[in-house]
C-alpha atoms as a PDB file:
ATOM      1  CA  MET A   1     115.711  72.273 146.737  1.00  0.00           C
ATOM      2  CA  ALA A   2     112.715  70.546 145.138  1.00  0.00           C
ATOM      3  CA  GLY A   3     115.068  67.899 143.765  1.00  0.00           C
ATOM      4  CA  ARG A   4     116.087  67.012 147.328  1.00  0.00           C
ATOM      5  CA  TYR A   5     112.467  66.258 148.236  1.00  0.00           C
ATOM      6  CA  ASP A   6     111.961  64.217 145.067  1.00  0.00           C
ATOM      7  CA  VAL A   7     115.010  62.098 145.841  1.00  0.00           C
ATOM      8  CA  THR A   8     113.870  61.656 149.445  1.00  0.00           C
ATOM      9  CA  MET A   9     110.419  60.441 148.403  1.00  0.00           C
ATOM     10  CA  LYS A  10     111.874  58.073 145.821  1.00  0.00           C
ATOM     11  CA  HIS A  11     114.159  56.639 148.501  1.00  0.00           C
ATOM     12  CA  LEU A  12     111.255  56.232 150.943  1.00  0.00           C
ATOM     13  CA  LEU A  13     109.147  54.369 148.400  1.00  0.00           C
ATOM     14  CA  GLY A  14     112.000  51.969 147.744  1.00  0.00           C
ATOM     15  CA  LEU A  15     112.886  51.524 151.404  1.00  0.00           C
ATOM     16  CA  ARG A  16     109.579  50.063 152.633  1.00  0.00           C
ATOM     17  CA  LEU A  17     107.311  49.814 149.614  1.00  0.00           C
ATOM     18  CA  ALA A  18     104.743  47.585 151.318  1.00  0.00           C
ATOM     19  CA  ASP A  19     103.976  50.286 153.883  1.00  0.00           C
ATOM     20  CA  TRP A  20     102.707  52.604 151.130  1.00  0.00           C
ATOM     21  CA  LYS A  21     100.005  50.290 149.784  1.00  0.00           C
ATOM     22  CA  PRO A  22      97.198  51.579 152.072  1.00  0.00           C
ATOM     23  CA  LEU A  23      97.864  55.170 150.975  1.00  0.00           C
ATOM     24  CA  PHE A  24      97.227  54.127 147.368  1.00  0.00           C
ATOM     25  CA  GLY A  25      94.244  51.917 148.176  1.00  0.00           C
ATOM     26  CA  VAL A  26      96.052  48.647 147.434  1.00  0.00           C
ATOM     27  CA  SER A  27      95.282  45.637 149.608  1.00  0.00           C
ATOM     28  CA  ALA A  28      98.060  44.440 151.917  1.00  0.00           C
ATOM     29  CA  GLU A  29      97.838  40.948 150.374  1.00  0.00           C
ATOM     30  CA  VAL A  30      98.565  42.184 146.858  1.00  0.00           C
ATOM     31  CA  THR A  31     102.162  42.107 145.606  1.00  0.00           C
ATOM     32  CA  VAL A  32     103.557  45.423 144.394  1.00  0.00           C
ATOM     33  CA  GLN A  33     106.995  45.671 142.857  1.00  0.00           C
ATOM     34  CA  PRO A  34     109.040  48.244 140.925  1.00  0.00           C
ATOM     35  CA  VAL A  35     108.958  48.007 137.172  1.00  0.00           C
ATOM     36  CA  ASP A  36     112.078  46.359 135.764  1.00  0.00           C
ATOM     37  CA  ALA A  37     114.968  48.812 136.096  1.00  0.00           C
ATOM     38  CA  ASP A  38     116.205  47.700 132.664  1.00  0.00           C
ATOM     39  CA  LEU A  39     113.418  49.738 131.122  1.00  0.00           C
ATOM     40  CA  SER A  40     115.556  52.875 130.925  1.00  0.00           C
ATOM     41  CA  HIS A  41     112.868  54.840 129.120  1.00  0.00           C
ATOM     42  CA  VAL A  42     110.559  54.315 132.107  1.00  0.00           C
ATOM     43  CA  ALA A  43     113.235  55.201 134.666  1.00  0.00           C
ATOM     44  CA  ALA A  44     113.969  58.425 132.815  1.00  0.00           C
ATOM     45  CA  LEU A  45     110.290  59.327 132.704  1.00  0.00           C
ATOM     46  CA  ALA A  46     109.219  58.976 136.340  1.00  0.00           C
ATOM     47  CA  ASP A  47     110.804  58.536 139.758  1.00  0.00           C
ATOM     48  CA  LYS A  48     108.832  55.422 140.660  1.00  0.00           C
ATOM     49  CA  VAL A  49     106.724  53.111 138.519  1.00  0.00           C
ATOM     50  CA  LEU A  50     105.131  50.109 140.197  1.00  0.00           C
ATOM     51  CA  ARG A  51     103.475  46.939 138.921  1.00  0.00           C
ATOM     52  CA  VAL A  52     100.474  45.775 140.955  1.00  0.00           C
ATOM     53  CA  GLU A  53     100.045  42.012 140.661  1.00  0.00           C
ATOM     54  CA  GLU A  54      96.281  41.754 140.595  1.00  0.00           C
ATOM     55  CA  ASP A  55      94.239  39.973 137.934  1.00  0.00           C
ATOM     56  CA  PRO A  56      94.700  41.625 135.552  1.00  0.00           C
ATOM     57  CA  PRO A  57      97.939  43.384 136.582  1.00  0.00           C
ATOM     58  CA  TRP A  58      98.130  47.153 136.358  1.00  0.00           C
ATOM     59  CA  ILE A  59     100.638  49.986 136.697  1.00  0.00           C
ATOM     60  CA  LEU A  60     100.717  52.420 139.616  1.00  0.00           C
ATOM     61  CA  HIS A  61     102.580  55.664 139.033  1.00  0.00           C
ATOM     62  CA  PRO A  62     102.962  57.772 142.210  1.00  0.00           C
ATOM     63  CA  GLU A  63     104.373  61.216 141.448  1.00  0.00           C
ATOM     64  CA  PRO A  64     105.601  63.135 144.535  1.00  0.00           C
ATOM     65  CA  GLN A  65     105.098  66.869 144.104  1.00  0.00           C
ATOM     66  CA  ALA A  66     107.012  69.314 146.317  1.00  0.00           C
ATOM     67  CA  TRP A  67     107.096  72.362 144.046  1.00  0.00           C
ATOM     68  CA  ARG A  68     104.490  74.476 142.285  1.00  0.00           C
ATOM     69  CA  ASP A  69     103.997  73.550 138.655  1.00  0.00           C
ATOM     70  CA  GLU A  70     101.201  75.230 136.727  1.00  0.00           C
ATOM     71  CA  GLU A  71     101.572  72.553 134.042  1.00  0.00           C
ATOM     72  CA  LEU A  72     101.247  69.576 136.385  1.00  0.00           C
ATOM     73  CA  ASP A  73      98.003  68.434 134.718  1.00  0.00           C
ATOM     74  CA  VAL A  74      99.671  68.332 131.310  1.00  0.00           C
ATOM     75  CA  ARG A  75     102.760  66.641 132.734  1.00  0.00           C
ATOM     76  CA  MET A  76     100.688  63.942 134.419  1.00  0.00           C
ATOM     77  CA  LEU A  77      98.879  63.311 131.135  1.00  0.00           C
ATOM     78  CA  HIS A  78     102.227  62.974 129.376  1.00  0.00           C
ATOM     79  CA  TYR A  79     103.523  60.498 131.980  1.00  0.00           C
ATOM     80  CA  HIS A  80     100.284  58.529 131.871  1.00  0.00           C
ATOM     81  CA  SER A  81     100.088  58.197 128.101  1.00  0.00           C
ATOM     82  CA  THR A  82     103.777  57.334 127.805  1.00  0.00           C
ATOM     83  CA  LEU A  83     103.518  54.604 130.432  1.00  0.00           C
ATOM     84  CA  LEU A  84     100.461  53.185 128.690  1.00  0.00           C
ATOM     85  CA  LYS A  85     102.372  53.046 125.429  1.00  0.00           C
ATOM     86  CA  GLN A  86     105.570  51.585 126.891  1.00  0.00           C
ATOM     87  CA  LEU A  87     104.155  49.076 129.379  1.00  0.00           C
ATOM     88  CA  LYS A  88     100.845  48.251 127.689  1.00  0.00           C
ATOM     89  CA  LEU A  89      98.981  47.826 130.974  1.00  0.00           C
ATOM     90  CA  PRO A  90      96.159  49.807 132.608  1.00  0.00           C
ATOM     91  CA  THR A  91      97.774  52.677 134.478  1.00  0.00           C
ATOM     92  CA  HIS A  92      96.712  54.594 137.578  1.00  0.00           C
ATOM     93  CA  SER A  93      98.459  57.944 138.092  1.00  0.00           C
ATOM     94  CA  VAL A  94      98.647  59.608 141.517  1.00  0.00           C
ATOM     95  CA  ALA A  95     100.107  62.995 142.436  1.00  0.00           C
ATOM     96  CA  VAL A  96     101.277  62.953 146.060  1.00  0.00           C
ATOM     97  CA  VAL A  97     101.329  66.671 146.859  1.00  0.00           C
ATOM     98  CA  LEU A  98     103.467  67.293 149.936  1.00  0.00           C
ATOM     99  CA  HIS A  99     102.617  70.898 150.818  1.00  0.00           C
ATOM    100  CA  PRO A 100      99.929  73.482 149.938  1.00  0.00           C
ATOM    101  CA  SER A 101     102.536  75.622 148.195  1.00  0.00           C
ATOM    102  CA  ALA A 102     103.057  72.773 145.709  1.00  0.00           C
ATOM    103  CA  TRP A 103      99.416  72.839 144.558  1.00  0.00           C
ATOM    104  CA  SER A 104      98.933  75.649 142.070  1.00  0.00           C
ATOM    105  CA  PRO A 105      95.557  77.346 141.491  1.00  0.00           C
ATOM    106  CA  GLU A 106      95.975  76.232 137.877  1.00  0.00           C
ATOM    107  CA  ASN A 107      96.059  72.554 138.906  1.00  0.00           C
ATOM    108  CA  ARG A 108      92.776  70.675 138.626  1.00  0.00           C
ATOM    109  CA  GLY A 109      93.646  67.000 138.861  1.00  0.00           C
ATOM    110  CA  SER A 110      92.187  66.671 135.391  1.00  0.00           C
ATOM    111  CA  ILE A 111      92.496  68.121 131.931  1.00  0.00           C
ATOM    112  CA  ASP A 112      90.092  68.558 129.027  1.00  0.00           C
ATOM    113  CA  LEU A 113      91.586  69.035 125.602  1.00  0.00           C
ATOM    114  CA  ALA A 114      89.643  69.512 122.400  1.00  0.00           C
ATOM    115  CA  SER A 115      90.624  70.536 118.909  1.00  0.00           C
ATOM    116  CA  PRO A 116      88.820  73.363 117.114  1.00  0.00           C
ATOM    117  CA  ARG A 117      87.028  70.694 115.073  1.00  0.00           C
ATOM    118  CA  PRO A 118      84.529  68.128 116.375  1.00  0.00           C
ATOM    119  CA  GLY A 119      85.547  64.524 116.878  1.00  0.00           C
ATOM    120  CA  CYS A 120      88.927  65.054 118.593  1.00  0.00           C
ATOM    121  CA  SER A 121      89.066  65.501 122.357  1.00  0.00           C
ATOM    122  CA  VAL A 122      90.750  64.120 125.463  1.00  0.00           C
ATOM    123  CA  ARG A 123      89.471  63.893 129.031  1.00  0.00           C
ATOM    124  CA  PHE A 124      92.080  62.826 131.607  1.00  0.00           C
ATOM    125  CA  GLU A 125      91.861  62.611 135.397  1.00  0.00           C
ATOM    126  CA  TYR A 126      94.457  61.557 137.923  1.00  0.00           C
ATOM    127  CA  GLN A 127      94.233  60.957 141.655  1.00  0.00           C
ATOM    128  CA  VAL A 128      95.479  63.734 143.918  1.00  0.00           C
ATOM    129  CA  ILE A 129      96.624  63.011 147.484  1.00  0.00           C
ATOM    130  CA  LYS A 130      97.114  66.222 149.474  1.00  0.00           C
ATOM    131  CA  VAL A 131      99.217  65.091 152.419  1.00  0.00           C
ATOM    132  CA  TRP A 132      98.428  68.163 154.562  1.00  0.00           C
ATOM    133  CA  GLU A 133      94.715  67.269 154.488  1.00  0.00           C
ATOM    134  CA  LEU A 134      95.213  63.732 155.800  1.00  0.00           C
ATOM    135  CA  PRO A 135      94.912  62.908 159.531  1.00  0.00           C
ATOM    136  CA  VAL A 136      98.230  62.479 161.299  1.00  0.00           C
ATOM    137  CA  GLU A 137      97.079  59.176 162.800  1.00  0.00           C
ATOM    138  CA  MET A 138      97.094  57.649 159.320  1.00  0.00           C
ATOM    139  CA  PHE A 139     100.864  58.040 159.295  1.00  0.00           C
ATOM    140  CA  LEU A 140     101.599  57.478 162.970  1.00  0.00           C
ATOM    141  CA  GLU A 141      99.635  54.232 163.101  1.00  0.00           C
ATOM    142  CA  GLY A 142     100.466  52.939 159.614  1.00  0.00           C
ATOM    143  CA  GLY A 143     103.633  51.256 158.425  1.00  0.00           C
ATOM    144  CA  VAL A 144     106.853  52.818 159.654  1.00  0.00           C
ATOM    145  CA  GLY A 145     107.756  53.710 156.070  1.00  0.00           C
ATOM    146  CA  LEU A 146     105.035  56.381 156.193  1.00  0.00           C
ATOM    147  CA  LEU A 147     106.261  58.018 159.415  1.00  0.00           C
ATOM    148  CA  PRO A 148     108.358  60.721 157.657  1.00  0.00           C
ATOM    149  CA  LEU A 149     105.126  62.122 156.189  1.00  0.00           C
ATOM    150  CA  ALA A 150     103.499  62.606 159.602  1.00  0.00           C
ATOM    151  CA  PRO A 151     104.910  66.146 160.126  1.00  0.00           C
ATOM    152  CA  LEU A 152     103.452  67.174 156.737  1.00  0.00           C
ATOM    153  CA  SER A 153      99.933  65.940 157.538  1.00  0.00           C
ATOM    154  CA  ASP A 154      97.033  67.706 159.262  1.00  0.00           C
ATOM    155  CA  VAL A 155      98.896  68.528 162.469  1.00  0.00           C
ATOM    156  CA  SER A 156      99.394  71.909 164.154  1.00  0.00           C
ATOM    157  CA  ARG A 157     102.696  73.328 165.337  1.00  0.00           C
ATOM    158  CA  THR A 158     101.644  72.922 168.968  1.00  0.00           C
ATOM    159  CA  GLU A 159     100.926  69.235 168.378  1.00  0.00           C
ATOM    160  CA  MET A 160     104.200  68.608 166.581  1.00  0.00           C
ATOM    161  CA  PRO A 161     106.438  67.791 169.602  1.00  0.00           C
ATOM    162  CA  ALA A 162     104.075  64.990 170.675  1.00  0.00           C
ATOM    163  CA  VAL A 163     103.957  63.694 167.090  1.00  0.00           C
ATOM    164  CA  ILE A 164     107.759  63.617 166.923  1.00  0.00           C
ATOM    165  CA  ASP A 165     107.931  61.734 170.241  1.00  0.00           C
ATOM    166  CA  ARG A 166     105.603  59.027 168.923  1.00  0.00           C
ATOM    167  CA  LEU A 167     107.496  58.888 165.643  1.00  0.00           C
ATOM    168  CA  ALA A 168     110.842  58.529 167.437  1.00  0.00           C
ATOM    169  CA  GLU A 169     109.501  55.796 169.715  1.00  0.00           C
ATOM    170  CA  ARG A 170     108.397  53.693 166.773  1.00  0.00           C
ATOM    171  CA  LEU A 171     111.667  54.146 164.902  1.00  0.00           C
ATOM    172  CA  MET A 172     113.689  53.153 167.967  1.00  0.00           C
ATOM    173  CA  THR A 173     111.640  50.036 168.705  1.00  0.00           C
ATOM    174  CA  GLU A 174     110.321  48.659 165.416  1.00  0.00           C
ATOM    175  CA  VAL A 175     113.081  48.768 162.795  1.00  0.00           C
ATOM    176  CA  PRO A 176     116.821  48.054 162.626  1.00  0.00           C
ATOM    177  CA  ARG A 177     119.011  50.985 163.588  1.00  0.00           C
ATOM    178  CA  ALA A 178     120.382  51.559 160.078  1.00  0.00           C
ATOM    179  CA  GLU A 179     116.885  51.733 158.622  1.00  0.00           C
ATOM    180  CA  ALA A 180     115.694  53.964 161.454  1.00  0.00           C
ATOM    181  CA  ALA A 181     118.588  56.332 160.648  1.00  0.00           C
ATOM    182  CA  GLU A 182     117.465  56.665 157.035  1.00  0.00           C
ATOM    183  CA  LEU A 183     113.820  57.191 158.003  1.00  0.00           C
ATOM    184  CA  GLY A 184     114.795  59.774 160.604  1.00  0.00           C
ATOM    185  CA  THR A 185     116.906  61.672 158.098  1.00  0.00           C
ATOM    186  CA  ALA A 186     114.080  61.549 155.545  1.00  0.00           C
ATOM    187  CA  THR A 187     111.820  63.089 158.205  1.00  0.00           C
ATOM    188  CA  LEU A 188     114.315  65.903 158.737  1.00  0.00           C
ATOM    189  CA  LEU A 189     114.546  66.595 155.020  1.00  0.00           C
ATOM    190  CA  LEU A 190     110.783  66.613 154.417  1.00  0.00           C
ATOM    191  CA  MET A 191     110.155  68.872 157.402  1.00  0.00           C
ATOM    192  CA  GLY A 192     111.980  71.540 155.427  1.00  0.00           C
ATOM    193  CA  LEU A 193     108.719  72.023 153.539  1.00  0.00           C
ATOM    194  CA  ARG A 194     107.045  73.392 156.699  1.00  0.00           C
ATOM    195  CA  TYR A 195     109.852  74.578 158.962  1.00  0.00           C
ATOM    196  CA  SER A 196     113.173  76.351 158.765  1.00  0.00           C
ATOM    197  CA  ASP A 197     116.283  74.183 159.081  1.00  0.00           C
ATOM    198  CA  ASP A 198     116.826  75.340 162.660  1.00  0.00           C
ATOM    199  CA  GLU A 199     113.206  74.642 163.675  1.00  0.00           C
ATOM    200  CA  ALA A 200     113.286  71.188 162.091  1.00  0.00           C
ATOM    201  CA  ARG A 201     116.537  70.240 163.827  1.00  0.00           C
ATOM    202  CA  HIS A 202     115.191  71.502 167.145  1.00  0.00           C
ATOM    203  CA  LEU A 203     111.949  69.527 166.828  1.00  0.00           C
ATOM    204  CA  LEU A 204     113.866  66.400 165.838  1.00  0.00           C
ATOM    205  CA  ARG A 205     116.546  66.628 168.526  1.00  0.00           C
ATOM    206  CA  SER A 206     115.264  63.347 170.046  1.00  0.00           C
ATOM    207  CA  LEU A 207     116.075  61.656 166.714  1.00  0.00           C
ATOM    208  CA  ARG A 208     119.715  62.761 166.607  1.00  0.00           C
ATOM    209  CA  PRO A 209     121.061  59.558 168.172  1.00  0.00           C
ATOM    210  CA  ILE A 210     119.149  57.613 165.511  1.00  0.00           C
ATOM    211  CA  MET A 211     120.223  59.778 162.585  1.00  0.00           C
ATOM    212  CA  GLN A 212     123.916  59.511 163.507  1.00  0.00           C
ATOM    213  CA  GLY A 213     123.958  56.201 161.603  1.00  0.00           C
ATOM    214  CA  SER A 214     122.805  57.780 158.341  1.00  0.00           C
ATOM    215  CA  SER A 215     125.380  58.671 155.703  1.00  0.00           C
ATOM    216  CA  THR A 216     122.812  61.102 154.282  1.00  0.00           C
ATOM    217  CA  TYR A 217     122.639  62.930 157.605  1.00  0.00           C
ATOM    218  CA  HIS A 218     126.415  63.357 157.782  1.00  0.00           C
ATOM    219  CA  ALA A 219     126.442  64.541 154.171  1.00  0.00           C
ATOM    220  CA  LEU A 220     123.884  67.207 155.094  1.00  0.00           C
ATOM    221  CA  ILE A 221     126.048  68.400 157.965  1.00  0.00           C
ATOM    222  CA  GLN A 222     129.087  68.626 155.712  1.00  0.00           C
ATOM    223  CA  GLU A 223     127.012  70.384 153.055  1.00  0.00           C
ATOM    224  CA  GLY A 224     125.921  72.993 155.572  1.00  0.00           C
ATOM    225  CA  PHE A 225     129.505  73.692 156.633  1.00  0.00           C
ATOM    226  CA  GLU A 226     130.720  73.897 153.052  1.00  0.00           C
ATOM    227  CA  LYS A 227     127.949  76.341 152.175  1.00  0.00           C
ATOM    228  CA  GLY A 228     129.151  78.569 154.975  1.00  0.00           C
ATOM    229  CA  ILE A 229     132.652  78.506 153.510  1.00  0.00           C
ATOM    230  CA  GLU A 230     131.324  79.247 150.017  1.00  0.00           C
ATOM    231  CA  GLN A 231     129.285  82.191 151.308  1.00  0.00           C
ATOM    232  CA  GLY A 232     132.364  83.597 152.995  1.00  0.00           C
ATOM    233  CA  ILE A 233     134.375  83.359 149.783  1.00  0.00           C
ATOM    234  CA  GLU A 234     131.579  84.957 147.764  1.00  0.00           C
ATOM    235  CA  GLN A 235     131.518  87.889 150.163  1.00  0.00           C
ATOM    236  CA  GLY A 236     135.234  88.346 149.673  1.00  0.00           C
ATOM    237  CA  VAL A 237     135.996  87.776 153.359  1.00  0.00           C
ATOM    238  CA  GLU A 238     139.191  85.984 154.265  1.00  0.00           C
ATOM    239  CA  ARG A 239     138.368  84.057 157.425  1.00  0.00           C
ATOM    240  CA  GLY A 240     140.392  81.611 159.388  1.00  0.00           C
ATOM    241  CA  LYS A 241     138.729  78.591 160.934  1.00  0.00           C
ATOM    242  CA  HIS A 242     138.110  80.440 164.195  1.00  0.00           C
ATOM    243  CA  ASP A 243     136.313  83.275 162.432  1.00  0.00           C
ATOM    244  CA  LEU A 244     134.272  80.925 160.283  1.00  0.00           C
ATOM    245  CA  LEU A 245     133.217  78.875 163.297  1.00  0.00           C
ATOM    246  CA  LEU A 246     132.200  82.000 165.211  1.00  0.00           C
ATOM    247  CA  THR A 247     130.382  83.509 162.234  1.00  0.00           C
ATOM    248  CA  ILE A 248     128.278  80.449 161.428  1.00  0.00           C
ATOM    249  CA  GLY A 249     127.690  79.815 165.126  1.00  0.00           C
ATOM    250  CA  THR A 250     126.428  83.371 165.596  1.00  0.00           C
ATOM    251  CA  ARG A 251     123.905  82.843 162.821  1.00  0.00           C
ATOM    252  CA  ARG A 252     122.664  79.695 164.549  1.00  0.00           C
ATOM    253  CA  PHE A 253     122.836  80.501 168.291  1.00  0.00           C
ATOM    254  CA  GLY A 254     123.241  84.254 168.525  1.00  0.00           C
ATOM    255  CA  LYS A 255     126.298  86.298 169.515  1.00  0.00           C
ATOM    256  CA  PRO A 256     128.682  84.305 171.746  1.00  0.00           C
ATOM    257  CA  GLY A 257     129.691  85.544 175.167  1.00  0.00           C
ATOM    258  CA  VAL A 258     133.256  86.532 176.000  1.00  0.00           C
ATOM    259  CA  ARG A 259     133.993  83.165 177.648  1.00  0.00           C
ATOM    260  CA  VAL A 260     132.723  81.198 174.625  1.00  0.00           C
ATOM    261  CA  ARG A 261     134.755  83.315 172.234  1.00  0.00           C
ATOM    262  CA  ARG A 262     137.927  82.866 174.313  1.00  0.00           C
ATOM    263  CA  ARG A 263     137.452  79.078 174.501  1.00  0.00           C
ATOM    264  CA  ILE A 264     137.110  78.838 170.732  1.00  0.00           C
ATOM    265  CA  GLU A 265     140.041  81.153 170.005  1.00  0.00           C
ATOM    266  CA  ALA A 266     142.171  79.090 172.398  1.00  0.00           C
ATOM    267  CA  ILE A 267     141.776  76.004 170.184  1.00  0.00           C
ATOM    268  CA  HIS A 268     144.773  75.549 167.907  1.00  0.00           C
ATOM    269  CA  ASP A 269     144.199  72.012 166.640  1.00  0.00           C
ATOM    270  CA  PRO A 270     142.672  72.211 163.121  1.00  0.00           C
ATOM    271  CA  ALA A 271     141.041  68.786 163.539  1.00  0.00           C
ATOM    272  CA  VAL A 272     139.220  69.963 166.670  1.00  0.00           C
ATOM    273  CA  LEU A 273     138.015  73.091 164.874  1.00  0.00           C
ATOM    274  CA  ASP A 274     136.767  70.965 161.964  1.00  0.00           C
ATOM    275  CA  SER A 275     134.970  68.664 164.391  1.00  0.00           C
ATOM    276  CA  LEU A 276     133.246  71.613 166.065  1.00  0.00           C
ATOM    277  CA  ALA A 277     132.245  72.994 162.677  1.00  0.00           C
ATOM    278  CA  LEU A 278     130.558  69.713 161.737  1.00  0.00           C
ATOM    279  CA  ARG A 279     128.737  69.691 165.084  1.00  0.00           C
ATOM    280  CA  LEU A 280     127.237  73.131 164.427  1.00  0.00           C
ATOM    281  CA  LEU A 281     124.211  71.622 162.685  1.00  0.00           C
ATOM    282  CA  GLU A 282     123.722  68.932 165.329  1.00  0.00           C
ATOM    283  CA  VAL A 283     123.377  71.110 168.419  1.00  0.00           C
ATOM    284  CA  ASP A 284     121.156  73.969 169.536  1.00  0.00           C
ATOM    285  CA  SER A 285     123.423  76.244 171.600  1.00  0.00           C
ATOM    286  CA  TRP A 286     127.003  77.360 172.234  1.00  0.00           C
ATOM    287  CA  LYS A 287     126.897  75.446 175.522  1.00  0.00           C
ATOM    288  CA  GLU A 288     125.966  72.200 173.814  1.00  0.00           C
ATOM    289  CA  LEU A 289     128.566  72.756 171.088  1.00  0.00           C
ATOM    290  CA  LEU A 290     131.373  73.096 173.649  1.00  0.00           C
ATOM    291  CA  ALA A 291     130.029  70.522 176.120  1.00  0.00           C
ATOM    292  CA  GLU A 292     132.765  67.993 175.286  1.00  0.00           C
ATOM    293  CA  MET A 293     135.573  70.538 175.372  1.00  0.00           C
ATOM    294  CA  PRO A 294     137.640  70.901 178.560  1.00  0.00           C
ATOM    295  CA  ALA A 295     136.937  74.143 180.393  1.00  0.00           C
ATOM    296  CA  SER A 296     139.659  76.777 180.035  1.00  0.00           C
END
């Protein structure tokens, strides 16, 4: 699961890199660009390594952190020293911690190492950005590339619907539809750090029309359906498509009424059943699932 968040953050940084500069304290006028992808040793080391074109130029290494790692301090030191050696430029390392659960009590944002003998020691510090401590307005009023982080910021559950409305309005009016689809899907993925899948989809229901254009979103829907199939096989239960649809639907919406069950069991076209299965993760009730089906 943590890998999904890492990939999402890497994608966000590449999608609208300029929008991230204020978060890292880089002036809007300064050019920031990814380090040459041909440097395979750098690509293998860190998700995103950026060159900041100031005088003199320097390296910015943002490290998204979505999972608890007691050795984060040591890992950041390793990244930092390796980048210094490979790129031979001053390097600034930043851990972007996405959720309180990803910040271990053992993490300090620094590390002091000394040998048993005098004359050999290391003191290393890196910047730590704890997203949940930052005001939501920073993300809602900043570049649209930062919008997916708004639900992870200092915002309560009761405030979240209003935050999502503002987020959706900006995505629908300020960026091309394809880009809005990717940003909306990234928001859905990152919200998994604070909410269950069902809660996140419910809160983001206003973004569904936007996310329909995202290949990532459709892959998630298919993944959810396939997991349901895999779980059924693992349990040793031989289900037909009707049974599978009813079983997964019951987990999402509760037990179906007699009329709903009869309507589903009356469907004999496999393509229609597959279509309904894919819609299971897009809707919030049996009624909405069957809204496009003719009444029996």
